[in-house]
């Protein structure tokens, strides 16, 4: 999958000029390289945020998955009154961080694929 470096639209790998904005795409010949959306988020950064700061949903804020992020933030902070809230939120963040690094979660909240 290729993306236009100017407008970010998905392109076929054989495309030489973006049909959306007219920008020329790099021609890699026989060695096609992966191109990422200009706004793609890092899979490694998201995974590490999930593992280390997942209790507060930082990785979900980073990936623009705001509803999940707010739920984890509330569970991790206000949930302290029921004592088990931060534990549940921490396990949730750890599991999501591992899933991100393992490639099970492949895109952010806007549907843009994560880059390596």
PDB file of N, CA and C in Angstrom:
ATOM      1  N   UNK A   1       0.842  -1.166   0.000  1.00  0.00           N
ATOM      2  CA  UNK A   1       0.000   0.000   0.000  1.00  0.00           C
ATOM      3  C   UNK A   1       0.890   1.233   0.000  1.00  0.00           C
ATOM      4  N   UNK A   2       0.560   2.184  -0.849  1.00  0.00           N
ATOM      5  CA  UNK A   2       1.297   3.443  -0.936  1.00  0.00           C
ATOM      6  C   UNK A   2       0.366   4.596  -0.601  1.00  0.00           C
ATOM      7  N   UNK A   3       0.936   5.669  -0.114  1.00  0.00           N
ATOM      8  CA  UNK A   3       0.184   6.880   0.165  1.00  0.00           C
ATOM      9  C   UNK A   3       0.878   8.051  -0.509  1.00  0.00           C
ATOM     10  N   UNK A   4       0.102   8.996  -0.960  1.00  0.00           N
ATOM     11  CA  UNK A   4       0.653  10.202  -1.560  1.00  0.00           C
ATOM     12  C   UNK A   4       1.384  10.986  -0.474  1.00  0.00           C
ATOM     13  N   UNK A   5       2.599  11.432  -0.771  1.00  0.00           N
ATOM     14  CA  UNK A   5       3.378  12.182   0.212  1.00  0.00           C
ATOM     15  C   UNK A   5       2.853  13.604   0.383  1.00  0.00           C
ATOM     16  N   UNK A   6       1.995  14.043  -0.528  1.00  0.00           N
ATOM     17  CA  UNK A   6       1.455  15.404  -0.436  1.00  0.00           C
ATOM     18  C   UNK A   6       0.091  15.443   0.242  1.00  0.00           C
ATOM     19  N   UNK A   7      -0.863  14.627  -0.248  1.00  0.00           N
ATOM     20  CA  UNK A   7      -2.236  14.704   0.279  1.00  0.00           C
ATOM     21  C   UNK A   7      -2.608  13.534   1.182  1.00  0.00           C
ATOM     22  N   UNK A   8      -1.802  12.447   1.198  1.00  0.00           N
ATOM     23  CA  UNK A   8      -2.048  11.329   2.088  1.00  0.00           C
ATOM     24  C   UNK A   8      -3.066  10.321   1.605  1.00  0.00           C
ATOM     25  N   UNK A   9      -3.564  10.450   0.401  1.00  0.00           N
ATOM     26  CA  UNK A   9      -4.555   9.506  -0.127  1.00  0.00           C
ATOM     27  C   UNK A   9      -3.899   8.169  -0.472  1.00  0.00           C
ATOM     28  N   UNK A  10      -4.683   7.076  -0.349  1.00  0.00           N
ATOM     29  CA  UNK A  10      -4.190   5.748  -0.707  1.00  0.00           C
ATOM     30  C   UNK A  10      -4.002   5.667  -2.216  1.00  0.00           C
ATOM     31  N   UNK A  11      -2.898   5.033  -2.629  1.00  0.00           N
ATOM     32  CA  UNK A  11      -2.595   4.885  -4.047  1.00  0.00           C
ATOM     33  C   UNK A  11      -2.216   3.450  -4.350  1.00  0.00           C
ATOM     34  N   UNK A  12      -2.428   3.048  -5.573  1.00  0.00           N
ATOM     35  CA  UNK A  12      -1.934   1.758  -6.039  1.00  0.00           C
ATOM     36  C   UNK A  12      -0.420   1.870  -6.173  1.00  0.00           C
ATOM     37  N   UNK A  13       0.281   0.758  -5.990  1.00  0.00           N
ATOM     38  CA  UNK A  13       1.741   0.796  -6.007  1.00  0.00           C
ATOM     39  C   UNK A  13       2.317   1.134  -7.375  1.00  0.00           C
ATOM     40  N   UNK A  14       1.547   0.952  -8.427  1.00  0.00           N
ATOM     41  CA  UNK A  14       2.041   1.266  -9.764  1.00  0.00           C
ATOM     42  C   UNK A  14       1.754   2.706 -10.178  1.00  0.00           C
ATOM     43  N   UNK A  15       1.112   3.476  -9.323  1.00  0.00           N
ATOM     44  CA  UNK A  15       0.750   4.856  -9.636  1.00  0.00           C
ATOM     45  C   UNK A  15       1.989   5.728  -9.717  1.00  0.00           C
ATOM     46  N   UNK A  16       2.079   6.530 -10.778  1.00  0.00           N
ATOM     47  CA  UNK A  16       3.217   7.434 -10.943  1.00  0.00           C
ATOM     48  C   UNK A  16       2.860   8.870 -10.600  1.00  0.00           C
ATOM     49  N   UNK A  17       1.562   9.221 -10.725  1.00  0.00           N
ATOM     50  CA  UNK A  17       1.090  10.567 -10.383  1.00  0.00           C
ATOM     51  C   UNK A  17      -0.192  10.413  -9.575  1.00  0.00           C
ATOM     52  N   UNK A  18      -0.277  11.107  -8.457  1.00  0.00           N
ATOM     53  CA  UNK A  18      -1.462  11.035  -7.605  1.00  0.00           C
ATOM     54  C   UNK A  18      -2.664  11.609  -8.346  1.00  0.00           C
ATOM     55  N   UNK A  19      -3.752  10.839  -8.495  1.00  0.00           N
ATOM     56  CA  UNK A  19      -4.924  11.344  -9.203  1.00  0.00           C
ATOM     57  C   UNK A  19      -5.699  12.394  -8.397  1.00  0.00           C
ATOM     58  N   UNK A  20      -5.398  12.533  -7.119  1.00  0.00           N
ATOM     59  CA  UNK A  20      -6.119  13.474  -6.266  1.00  0.00           C
ATOM     60  C   UNK A  20      -5.494  14.864  -6.266  1.00  0.00           C
ATOM     61  N   UNK A  21      -4.138  14.916  -6.267  1.00  0.00           N
ATOM     62  CA  UNK A  21      -3.490  16.228  -6.179  1.00  0.00           C
ATOM     63  C   UNK A  21      -2.460  16.474  -7.278  1.00  0.00           C
ATOM     64  N   UNK A  22      -2.131  15.440  -8.062  1.00  0.00           N
ATOM     65  CA  UNK A  22      -1.204  15.614  -9.169  1.00  0.00           C
ATOM     66  C   UNK A  22       0.270  15.499  -8.803  1.00  0.00           C
ATOM     67  N   UNK A  23       0.594  15.143  -7.584  1.00  0.00           N
ATOM     68  CA  UNK A  23       1.982  15.008  -7.155  1.00  0.00           C
ATOM     69  C   UNK A  23       2.589  13.737  -7.724  1.00  0.00           C
ATOM     70  N   UNK A  24       3.823  13.854  -8.225  1.00  0.00           N
ATOM     71  CA  UNK A  24       4.521  12.667  -8.726  1.00  0.00           C
ATOM     72  C   UNK A  24       4.926  11.796  -7.539  1.00  0.00           C
ATOM     73  N   UNK A  25       4.748  10.481  -7.705  1.00  0.00           N
ATOM     74  CA  UNK A  25       5.132   9.536  -6.656  1.00  0.00           C
ATOM     75  C   UNK A  25       6.491   8.952  -7.000  1.00  0.00           C
ATOM     76  N   UNK A  26       7.267   8.566  -5.986  1.00  0.00           N
ATOM     77  CA  UNK A  26       8.575   7.958  -6.274  1.00  0.00           C
ATOM     78  C   UNK A  26       8.402   6.649  -7.039  1.00  0.00           C
ATOM     79  N   UNK A  27       9.208   6.420  -8.034  1.00  0.00           N
ATOM     80  CA  UNK A  27       9.170   5.182  -8.803  1.00  0.00           C
ATOM     81  C   UNK A  27      10.293   4.295  -8.296  1.00  0.00           C
ATOM     82  N   UNK A  28       9.933   3.207  -7.628  1.00  0.00           N
ATOM     83  CA  UNK A  28      10.930   2.320  -7.040  1.00  0.00           C
ATOM     84  C   UNK A  28      11.247   1.122  -7.917  1.00  0.00           C
ATOM     85  N   UNK A  29      10.658   1.038  -9.106  1.00  0.00           N
ATOM     86  CA  UNK A  29      10.939  -0.069 -10.011  1.00  0.00           C
ATOM     87  C   UNK A  29      10.600  -1.407  -9.396  1.00  0.00           C
ATOM     88  N   UNK A  30      11.569  -2.317  -9.389  1.00  0.00           N
ATOM     89  CA  UNK A  30      11.307  -3.662  -8.892  1.00  0.00           C
ATOM     90  C   UNK A  30      11.366  -3.752  -7.370  1.00  0.00           C
ATOM     91  N   UNK A  31      11.999  -2.794  -6.714  1.00  0.00           N
ATOM     92  CA  UNK A  31      12.075  -2.831  -5.256  1.00  0.00           C
ATOM     93  C   UNK A  31      11.113  -1.796  -4.679  1.00  0.00           C
ATOM     94  N   UNK A  32       9.874  -2.215  -4.499  1.00  0.00           N
ATOM     95  CA  UNK A  32       8.844  -1.320  -3.973  1.00  0.00           C
ATOM     96  C   UNK A  32       9.014  -1.206  -2.467  1.00  0.00           C
ATOM     97  N   UNK A  33       9.093   0.025  -1.983  1.00  0.00           N
ATOM     98  CA  UNK A  33       9.233   0.266  -0.560  1.00  0.00           C
ATOM     99  C   UNK A  33       7.899   0.705   0.010  1.00  0.00           C
ATOM    100  N   UNK A  34       7.684   0.378   1.274  1.00  0.00           N
ATOM    101  CA  UNK A  34       6.448   0.749   1.962  1.00  0.00           C
ATOM    102  C   UNK A  34       6.436   2.258   2.190  1.00  0.00           C
ATOM    103  N   UNK A  35       5.366   2.909   1.800  1.00  0.00           N
ATOM    104  CA  UNK A  35       5.188   4.320   2.091  1.00  0.00           C
ATOM    105  C   UNK A  35       4.056   4.448   3.079  1.00  0.00           C
ATOM    106  N   UNK A  36       4.215   5.321   4.029  1.00  0.00           N
ATOM    107  CA  UNK A  36       3.212   5.501   5.052  1.00  0.00           C
ATOM    108  C   UNK A  36       2.510   6.838   4.872  1.00  0.00           C
ATOM    109  N   UNK A  37       1.330   6.881   5.393  1.00  0.00           N
ATOM    110  CA  UNK A  37       0.563   8.118   5.412  1.00  0.00           C
ATOM    111  C   UNK A  37       1.395   9.179   6.129  1.00  0.00           C
ATOM    112  N   UNK A  38       1.370  10.434   5.673  1.00  0.00           N
ATOM    113  CA  UNK A  38       2.172  11.469   6.320  1.00  0.00           C
ATOM    114  C   UNK A  38       1.843  11.668   7.799  1.00  0.00           C
ATOM    115  N   UNK A  39       0.648  11.321   8.229  1.00  0.00           N
ATOM    116  CA  UNK A  39       0.239  11.509   9.617  1.00  0.00           C
ATOM    117  C   UNK A  39       0.234  10.196  10.400  1.00  0.00           C
ATOM    118  N   UNK A  40       0.901   9.160   9.872  1.00  0.00           N
ATOM    119  CA  UNK A  40       0.914   7.853  10.536  1.00  0.00           C
ATOM    120  C   UNK A  40       1.629   7.936  11.874  1.00  0.00           C
ATOM    121  N   UNK A  41       1.084   7.254  12.868  1.00  0.00           N
ATOM    122  CA  UNK A  41       1.657   7.203  14.210  1.00  0.00           C
ATOM    123  C   UNK A  41       2.602   6.008  14.325  1.00  0.00           C
ATOM    124  N   UNK A  42       3.560   6.108  15.223  1.00  0.00           N
ATOM    125  CA  UNK A  42       4.536   5.051  15.433  1.00  0.00           C
ATOM    126  C   UNK A  42       3.939   3.915  16.271  1.00  0.00           C
ATOM    127  N   UNK A  43       4.080   2.701  15.756  1.00  0.00           N
ATOM    128  CA  UNK A  43       3.597   1.520  16.470  1.00  0.00           C
ATOM    129  C   UNK A  43       4.407   1.306  17.746  1.00  0.00           C
ATOM    130  N   UNK A  44       5.702   1.524  17.694  1.00  0.00           N
ATOM    131  CA  UNK A  44       6.555   1.312  18.863  1.00  0.00           C
ATOM    132  C   UNK A  44       6.236   2.314  19.962  1.00  0.00           C
ATOM    133  N   UNK A  45       6.064   3.581  19.574  1.00  0.00           N
ATOM    134  CA  UNK A  45       5.729   4.607  20.574  1.00  0.00           C
ATOM    135  C   UNK A  45       4.388   4.296  21.233  1.00  0.00           C
ATOM    136  N   UNK A  46       3.393   3.939  20.430  1.00  0.00           N
ATOM    137  CA  UNK A  46       2.071   3.627  20.975  1.00  0.00           C
ATOM    138  C   UNK A  46       2.116   2.421  21.899  1.00  0.00           C
ATOM    139  N   UNK A  47       2.859   1.390  21.506  1.00  0.00           N
ATOM    140  CA  UNK A  47       2.966   0.192  22.333  1.00  0.00           C
ATOM    141  C   UNK A  47       3.643   0.463  23.665  1.00  0.00           C
ATOM    142  N   UNK A  48       4.735   1.221  23.641  1.00  0.00           N
ATOM    143  CA  UNK A  48       5.434   1.546  24.883  1.00  0.00           C
ATOM    144  C   UNK A  48       4.606   2.460  25.781  1.00  0.00           C
ATOM    145  N   UNK A  49       3.870   3.393  25.185  1.00  0.00           N
ATOM    146  CA  UNK A  49       2.971   4.236  25.980  1.00  0.00           C
ATOM    147  C   UNK A  49       1.904   3.375  26.654  1.00  0.00           C
ATOM    148  N   UNK A  50       1.403   2.386  25.927  1.00  0.00           N
ATOM    149  CA  UNK A  50       0.400   1.486  26.494  1.00  0.00           C
ATOM    150  C   UNK A  50       0.942   0.665  27.651  1.00  0.00           C
ATOM    151  N   UNK A  51       2.163   0.179  27.504  1.00  0.00           N
ATOM    152  CA  UNK A  51       2.756  -0.653  28.551  1.00  0.00           C
ATOM    153  C   UNK A  51       3.074   0.170  29.802  1.00  0.00           C
ATOM    154  N   UNK A  52       3.673   1.357  29.608  1.00  0.00           N
ATOM    155  CA  UNK A  52       4.146   2.120  30.756  1.00  0.00           C
ATOM    156  C   UNK A  52       3.139   3.145  31.299  1.00  0.00           C
ATOM    157  N   UNK A  53       2.294   3.700  30.447  1.00  0.00           N
ATOM    158  CA  UNK A  53       1.340   4.726  30.889  1.00  0.00           C
ATOM    159  C   UNK A  53      -0.101   4.359  30.549  1.00  0.00           C
ATOM    160  N   UNK A  54      -0.338   3.084  30.290  1.00  0.00           N
ATOM    161  CA  UNK A  54      -1.656   2.619  29.882  1.00  0.00           C
ATOM    162  C   UNK A  54      -2.734   2.807  30.924  1.00  0.00           C
ATOM    163  N   UNK A  55      -2.362   2.892  32.193  1.00  0.00           N
ATOM    164  CA  UNK A  55      -3.347   3.089  33.259  1.00  0.00           C
ATOM    165  C   UNK A  55      -4.162   4.351  33.022  1.00  0.00           C
ATOM    166  N   UNK A  56      -3.529   5.359  32.447  1.00  0.00           N
ATOM    167  CA  UNK A  56      -4.209   6.638  32.201  1.00  0.00           C
ATOM    168  C   UNK A  56      -4.617   6.810  30.741  1.00  0.00           C
ATOM    169  N   UNK A  57      -4.467   5.799  29.915  1.00  0.00           N
ATOM    170  CA  UNK A  57      -4.928   5.837  28.525  1.00  0.00           C
ATOM    171  C   UNK A  57      -4.110   6.709  27.604  1.00  0.00           C
ATOM    172  N   UNK A  58      -2.846   6.973  27.964  1.00  0.00           N
ATOM    173  CA  UNK A  58      -2.008   7.857  27.161  1.00  0.00           C
ATOM    174  C   UNK A  58      -1.848   7.339  25.733  1.00  0.00           C
ATOM    175  N   UNK A  59      -1.695   6.034  25.575  1.00  0.00           N
ATOM    176  CA  UNK A  59      -1.533   5.458  24.236  1.00  0.00           C
ATOM    177  C   UNK A  59      -2.782   5.660  23.389  1.00  0.00           C
ATOM    178  N   UNK A  60      -3.951   5.618  24.004  1.00  0.00           N
ATOM    179  CA  UNK A  60      -5.180   5.838  23.244  1.00  0.00           C
ATOM    180  C   UNK A  60      -5.358   7.303  22.865  1.00  0.00           C
ATOM    181  N   UNK A  61      -4.909   8.223  23.713  1.00  0.00           N
ATOM    182  CA  UNK A  61      -4.907   9.638  23.318  1.00  0.00           C
ATOM    183  C   UNK A  61      -3.966   9.834  22.135  1.00  0.00           C
ATOM    184  N   UNK A  62      -2.799   9.192  22.179  1.00  0.00           N
ATOM    185  CA  UNK A  62      -1.819   9.277  21.096  1.00  0.00           C
ATOM    186  C   UNK A  62      -2.402   8.747  19.785  1.00  0.00           C
ATOM    187  N   UNK A  63      -3.165   7.667  19.867  1.00  0.00           N
ATOM    188  CA  UNK A  63      -3.756   7.060  18.673  1.00  0.00           C
ATOM    189  C   UNK A  63      -5.108   7.662  18.304  1.00  0.00           C
ATOM    190  N   UNK A  64      -5.508   8.726  18.965  1.00  0.00           N
ATOM    191  CA  UNK A  64      -6.775   9.430  18.702  1.00  0.00           C
ATOM    192  C   UNK A  64      -7.988   8.533  18.890  1.00  0.00           C
ATOM    193  N   UNK A  65      -7.907   7.651  19.862  1.00  0.00           N
ATOM    194  CA  UNK A  65      -9.041   6.802  20.243  1.00  0.00           C
ATOM    195  C   UNK A  65      -9.567   7.376  21.558  1.00  0.00           C
ATOM    196  N   UNK A  66     -10.193   8.532  21.451  1.00  0.00           N
ATOM    197  CA  UNK A  66     -10.512   9.355  22.616  1.00  0.00           C
ATOM    198  C   UNK A  66     -11.511   8.739  23.585  1.00  0.00           C
ATOM    199  N   UNK A  67     -12.509   8.027  23.105  1.00  0.00           N
ATOM    200  CA  UNK A  67     -13.493   7.462  24.027  1.00  0.00           C
ATOM    201  C   UNK A  67     -12.847   6.407  24.927  1.00  0.00           C
ATOM    202  N   UNK A  68     -11.992   5.557  24.370  1.00  0.00           N
ATOM    203  CA  UNK A  68     -11.277   4.576  25.182  1.00  0.00           C
ATOM    204  C   UNK A  68     -10.299   5.265  26.122  1.00  0.00           C
ATOM    205  N   UNK A  69      -9.656   6.318  25.633  1.00  0.00           N
ATOM    206  CA  UNK A  69      -8.687   7.040  26.456  1.00  0.00           C
ATOM    207  C   UNK A  69      -9.358   7.668  27.666  1.00  0.00           C
ATOM    208  N   UNK A  70     -10.499   8.289  27.464  1.00  0.00           N
ATOM    209  CA  UNK A  70     -11.216   8.910  28.578  1.00  0.00           C
ATOM    210  C   UNK A  70     -11.687   7.846  29.566  1.00  0.00           C
ATOM    211  N   UNK A  71     -12.162   6.715  29.067  1.00  0.00           N
ATOM    212  CA  UNK A  71     -12.597   5.632  29.956  1.00  0.00           C
ATOM    213  C   UNK A  71     -11.430   5.143  30.811  1.00  0.00           C
ATOM    214  N   UNK A  72     -10.261   4.957  30.208  1.00  0.00           N
ATOM    215  CA  UNK A  72      -9.102   4.514  30.982  1.00  0.00           C
ATOM    216  C   UNK A  72      -8.639   5.593  31.956  1.00  0.00           C
ATOM    217  N   UNK A  73      -8.684   6.841  31.545  1.00  0.00           N
ATOM    218  CA  UNK A  73      -8.279   7.925  32.424  1.00  0.00           C
ATOM    219  C   UNK A  73      -9.177   8.004  33.651  1.00  0.00           C
ATOM    220  N   UNK A  74     -10.474   7.914  33.431  1.00  0.00           N
ATOM    221  CA  UNK A  74     -11.413   7.957  34.554  1.00  0.00           C
ATOM    222  C   UNK A  74     -11.264   6.731  35.455  1.00  0.00           C
ATOM    223  N   UNK A  75     -11.100   5.579  34.848  1.00  0.00           N
ATOM    224  CA  UNK A  75     -10.932   4.352  35.635  1.00  0.00           C
ATOM    225  C   UNK A  75      -9.623   4.391  36.428  1.00  0.00           C
ATOM    226  N   UNK A  76      -8.593   4.960  35.831  1.00  0.00           N
ATOM    227  CA  UNK A  76      -7.298   5.025  36.496  1.00  0.00           C
ATOM    228  C   UNK A  76      -7.193   6.093  37.560  1.00  0.00           C
ATOM    229  N   UNK A  77      -8.014   7.135  37.475  1.00  0.00           N
ATOM    230  CA  UNK A  77      -7.940   8.220  38.459  1.00  0.00           C
ATOM    231  C   UNK A  77      -9.101   8.169  39.447  1.00  0.00           C
ATOM    232  N   UNK A  78     -10.304   8.328  38.969  1.00  0.00           N
ATOM    233  CA  UNK A  78     -11.470   8.317  39.853  1.00  0.00           C
ATOM    234  C   UNK A  78     -11.701   6.918  40.407  1.00  0.00           C
ATOM    235  N   UNK A  79     -11.285   5.913  39.648  1.00  0.00           N
ATOM    236  CA  UNK A  79     -11.440   4.527  40.089  1.00  0.00           C
ATOM    237  C   UNK A  79     -10.620   4.186  41.310  1.00  0.00           C
ATOM    238  N   UNK A  80      -9.748   5.095  41.736  1.00  0.00           N
ATOM    239  CA  UNK A  80      -8.941   4.845  42.931  1.00  0.00           C
ATOM    240  C   UNK A  80      -9.823   4.705  44.170  1.00  0.00           C
ATOM    241  N   UNK A  81     -11.010   5.291  44.127  1.00  0.00           N
ATOM    242  CA  UNK A  81     -11.924   5.217  45.261  1.00  0.00           C
ATOM    243  C   UNK A  81     -12.470   3.807  45.460  1.00  0.00           C
ATOM    244  N   UNK A  82     -12.489   3.029  44.386  1.00  0.00           N
ATOM    245  CA  UNK A  82     -12.922   1.632  44.537  1.00  0.00           C
ATOM    246  C   UNK A  82     -11.711   0.693  44.537  1.00  0.00           C
ATOM    247  N   UNK A  83     -10.542   1.263  44.617  1.00  0.00           N
ATOM    248  CA  UNK A  83      -9.244   0.604  44.741  1.00  0.00           C
ATOM    249  C   UNK A  83      -8.869  -0.255  43.527  1.00  0.00           C
ATOM    250  N   UNK A  84      -9.770  -1.000  43.005  1.00  0.00           N
ATOM    251  CA  UNK A  84      -9.439  -1.907  41.906  1.00  0.00           C
ATOM    252  C   UNK A  84      -9.421  -1.197  40.543  1.00  0.00           C
ATOM    253  N   UNK A  85      -9.942   0.016  40.455  1.00  0.00           N
ATOM    254  CA  UNK A  85      -9.998   0.749  39.186  1.00  0.00           C
ATOM    255  C   UNK A  85      -8.660   0.881  38.489  1.00  0.00           C
ATOM    256  N   UNK A  86      -7.621   1.396  39.167  1.00  0.00           N
ATOM    257  CA  UNK A  86      -6.320   1.517  38.505  1.00  0.00           C
ATOM    258  C   UNK A  86      -5.710   0.173  38.115  1.00  0.00           C
ATOM    259  N   UNK A  87      -5.991  -0.867  38.865  1.00  0.00           N
ATOM    260  CA  UNK A  87      -5.468  -2.197  38.528  1.00  0.00           C
ATOM    261  C   UNK A  87      -6.082  -2.677  37.217  1.00  0.00           C
ATOM    262  N   UNK A  88      -7.399  -2.525  37.106  1.00  0.00           N
ATOM    263  CA  UNK A  88      -8.091  -2.932  35.874  1.00  0.00           C
ATOM    264  C   UNK A  88      -7.584  -2.105  34.698  1.00  0.00           C
ATOM    265  N   UNK A  89      -7.480  -0.788  34.894  1.00  0.00           N
ATOM    266  CA  UNK A  89      -7.021   0.092  33.828  1.00  0.00           C
ATOM    267  C   UNK A  89      -5.572  -0.219  33.435  1.00  0.00           C
ATOM    268  N   UNK A  90      -4.738  -0.545  34.417  1.00  0.00           N
ATOM    269  CA  UNK A  90      -3.342  -0.883  34.126  1.00  0.00           C
ATOM    270  C   UNK A  90      -3.204  -2.164  33.328  1.00  0.00           C
ATOM    271  N   UNK A  91      -3.980  -3.177  33.687  1.00  0.00           N
ATOM    272  CA  UNK A  91      -3.959  -4.444  32.937  1.00  0.00           C
ATOM    273  C   UNK A  91      -4.475  -4.219  31.515  1.00  0.00           C
ATOM    274  N   UNK A  92      -5.538  -3.419  31.401  1.00  0.00           N
ATOM    275  CA  UNK A  92      -6.103  -3.075  30.095  1.00  0.00           C
ATOM    276  C   UNK A  92      -5.028  -2.397  29.228  1.00  0.00           C
ATOM    277  N   UNK A  93      -4.316  -1.413  29.778  1.00  0.00           N
ATOM    278  CA  UNK A  93      -3.267  -0.714  29.038  1.00  0.00           C
ATOM    279  C   UNK A  93      -2.118  -1.619  28.654  1.00  0.00           C
ATOM    280  N   UNK A  94      -1.715  -2.499  29.566  1.00  0.00           N
ATOM    281  CA  UNK A  94      -0.634  -3.439  29.291  1.00  0.00           C
ATOM    282  C   UNK A  94      -0.996  -4.370  28.139  1.00  0.00           C
ATOM    283  N   UNK A  95      -2.198  -4.906  28.169  1.00  0.00           N
ATOM    284  CA  UNK A  95      -2.650  -5.810  27.105  1.00  0.00           C
ATOM    285  C   UNK A  95      -2.725  -5.075  25.771  1.00  0.00           C
ATOM    286  N   UNK A  96      -3.286  -3.863  25.772  1.00  0.00           N
ATOM    287  CA  UNK A  96      -3.348  -3.106  24.518  1.00  0.00           C
ATOM    288  C   UNK A  96      -1.957  -2.753  24.007  1.00  0.00           C
ATOM    289  N   UNK A  97      -1.026  -2.419  24.898  1.00  0.00           N
ATOM    290  CA  UNK A  97       0.340  -2.130  24.483  1.00  0.00           C
ATOM    291  C   UNK A  97       0.998  -3.324  23.816  1.00  0.00           C
ATOM    292  N   UNK A  98       0.794  -4.498  24.390  1.00  0.00           N
ATOM    293  CA  UNK A  98       1.339  -5.723  23.800  1.00  0.00           C
ATOM    294  C   UNK A  98       0.676  -5.997  22.446  1.00  0.00           C
ATOM    295  N   UNK A  99      -0.633  -5.809  22.355  1.00  0.00           N
ATOM    296  CA  UNK A  99      -1.336  -6.012  21.086  1.00  0.00           C
ATOM    297  C   UNK A  99      -0.827  -5.061  20.007  1.00  0.00           C
ATOM    298  N   UNK A 100      -0.555  -3.820  20.380  1.00  0.00           N
ATOM    299  CA  UNK A 100      -0.033  -2.849  19.403  1.00  0.00           C
ATOM    300  C   UNK A 100       1.320  -3.308  18.894  1.00  0.00           C
ATOM    301  N   UNK A 101       2.218  -3.678  19.807  1.00  0.00           N
ATOM    302  CA  UNK A 101       3.563  -4.109  19.396  1.00  0.00           C
ATOM    303  C   UNK A 101       3.535  -5.415  18.605  1.00  0.00           C
ATOM    304  N   UNK A 102       2.576  -6.288  18.904  1.00  0.00           N
ATOM    305  CA  UNK A 102       2.459  -7.561  18.189  1.00  0.00           C
ATOM    306  C   UNK A 102       1.778  -7.410  16.832  1.00  0.00           C
ATOM    307  N   UNK A 103       1.213  -6.249  16.558  1.00  0.00           N
ATOM    308  CA  UNK A 103       0.568  -6.014  15.266  1.00  0.00           C
ATOM    309  C   UNK A 103      -0.899  -6.350  15.226  1.00  0.00           C
ATOM    310  N   UNK A 104      -1.514  -6.655  16.368  1.00  0.00           N
ATOM    311  CA  UNK A 104      -2.952  -6.946  16.398  1.00  0.00           C
ATOM    312  C   UNK A 104      -3.779  -5.673  16.221  1.00  0.00           C
ATOM    313  N   UNK A 105      -3.293  -4.576  16.736  1.00  0.00           N
ATOM    314  CA  UNK A 105      -3.926  -3.265  16.527  1.00  0.00           C
ATOM    315  C   UNK A 105      -3.106  -2.591  15.445  1.00  0.00           C
ATOM    316  N   UNK A 106      -3.704  -2.383  14.273  1.00  0.00           N
ATOM    317  CA  UNK A 106      -2.956  -1.958  13.095  1.00  0.00           C
ATOM    318  C   UNK A 106      -3.184  -0.521  12.671  1.00  0.00           C
ATOM    319  N   UNK A 107      -4.206   0.135  13.230  1.00  0.00           N
ATOM    320  CA  UNK A 107      -4.480   1.505  12.793  1.00  0.00           C
ATOM    321  C   UNK A 107      -4.941   2.361  13.956  1.00  0.00           C
ATOM    322  N   UNK A 108      -4.853   3.676  13.744  1.00  0.00           N
ATOM    323  CA  UNK A 108      -5.255   4.590  14.805  1.00  0.00           C
ATOM    324  C   UNK A 108      -6.760   4.858  14.734  1.00  0.00           C
ATOM    325  N   UNK A 109      -7.230   5.785  15.532  1.00  0.00           N
ATOM    326  CA  UNK A 109      -8.658   6.080  15.611  1.00  0.00           C
ATOM    327  C   UNK A 109      -9.242   6.652  14.341  1.00  0.00           C
ATOM    328  N   UNK A 110      -8.402   7.160  13.449  1.00  0.00           N
ATOM    329  CA  UNK A 110      -8.870   7.719  12.180  1.00  0.00           C
ATOM    330  C   UNK A 110      -8.734   6.736  11.023  1.00  0.00           C
ATOM    331  N   UNK A 111      -8.317   5.512  11.326  1.00  0.00           N
ATOM    332  CA  UNK A 111      -8.184   4.490  10.290  1.00  0.00           C
ATOM    333  C   UNK A 111      -6.869   4.539   9.533  1.00  0.00           C
ATOM    334  N   UNK A 112      -5.905   5.339   9.998  1.00  0.00           N
ATOM    335  CA  UNK A 112      -4.608   5.434   9.339  1.00  0.00           C
ATOM    336  C   UNK A 112      -3.705   4.328   9.888  1.00  0.00           C
ATOM    337  N   UNK A 113      -3.111   3.515   9.013  1.00  0.00           N
ATOM    338  CA  UNK A 113      -2.248   2.415   9.490  1.00  0.00           C
ATOM    339  C   UNK A 113      -1.057   2.939  10.289  1.00  0.00           C
ATOM    340  N   UNK A 114      -0.675   2.183  11.312  1.00  0.00           N
ATOM    341  CA  UNK A 114       0.491   2.550  12.120  1.00  0.00           C
ATOM    342  C   UNK A 114       1.760   2.220  11.346  1.00  0.00           C
ATOM    343  N   UNK A 115       2.792   3.030  11.549  1.00  0.00           N
ATOM    344  CA  UNK A 115       4.080   2.746  10.905  1.00  0.00           C
ATOM    345  C   UNK A 115       4.989   2.060  11.906  1.00  0.00           C
ATOM    346  N   UNK A 116       5.967   1.333  11.400  1.00  0.00           N
ATOM    347  CA  UNK A 116       6.903   0.602  12.259  1.00  0.00           C
ATOM    348  C   UNK A 116       7.842   1.530  12.993  1.00  0.00           C
TER     349      UNK A 116
END
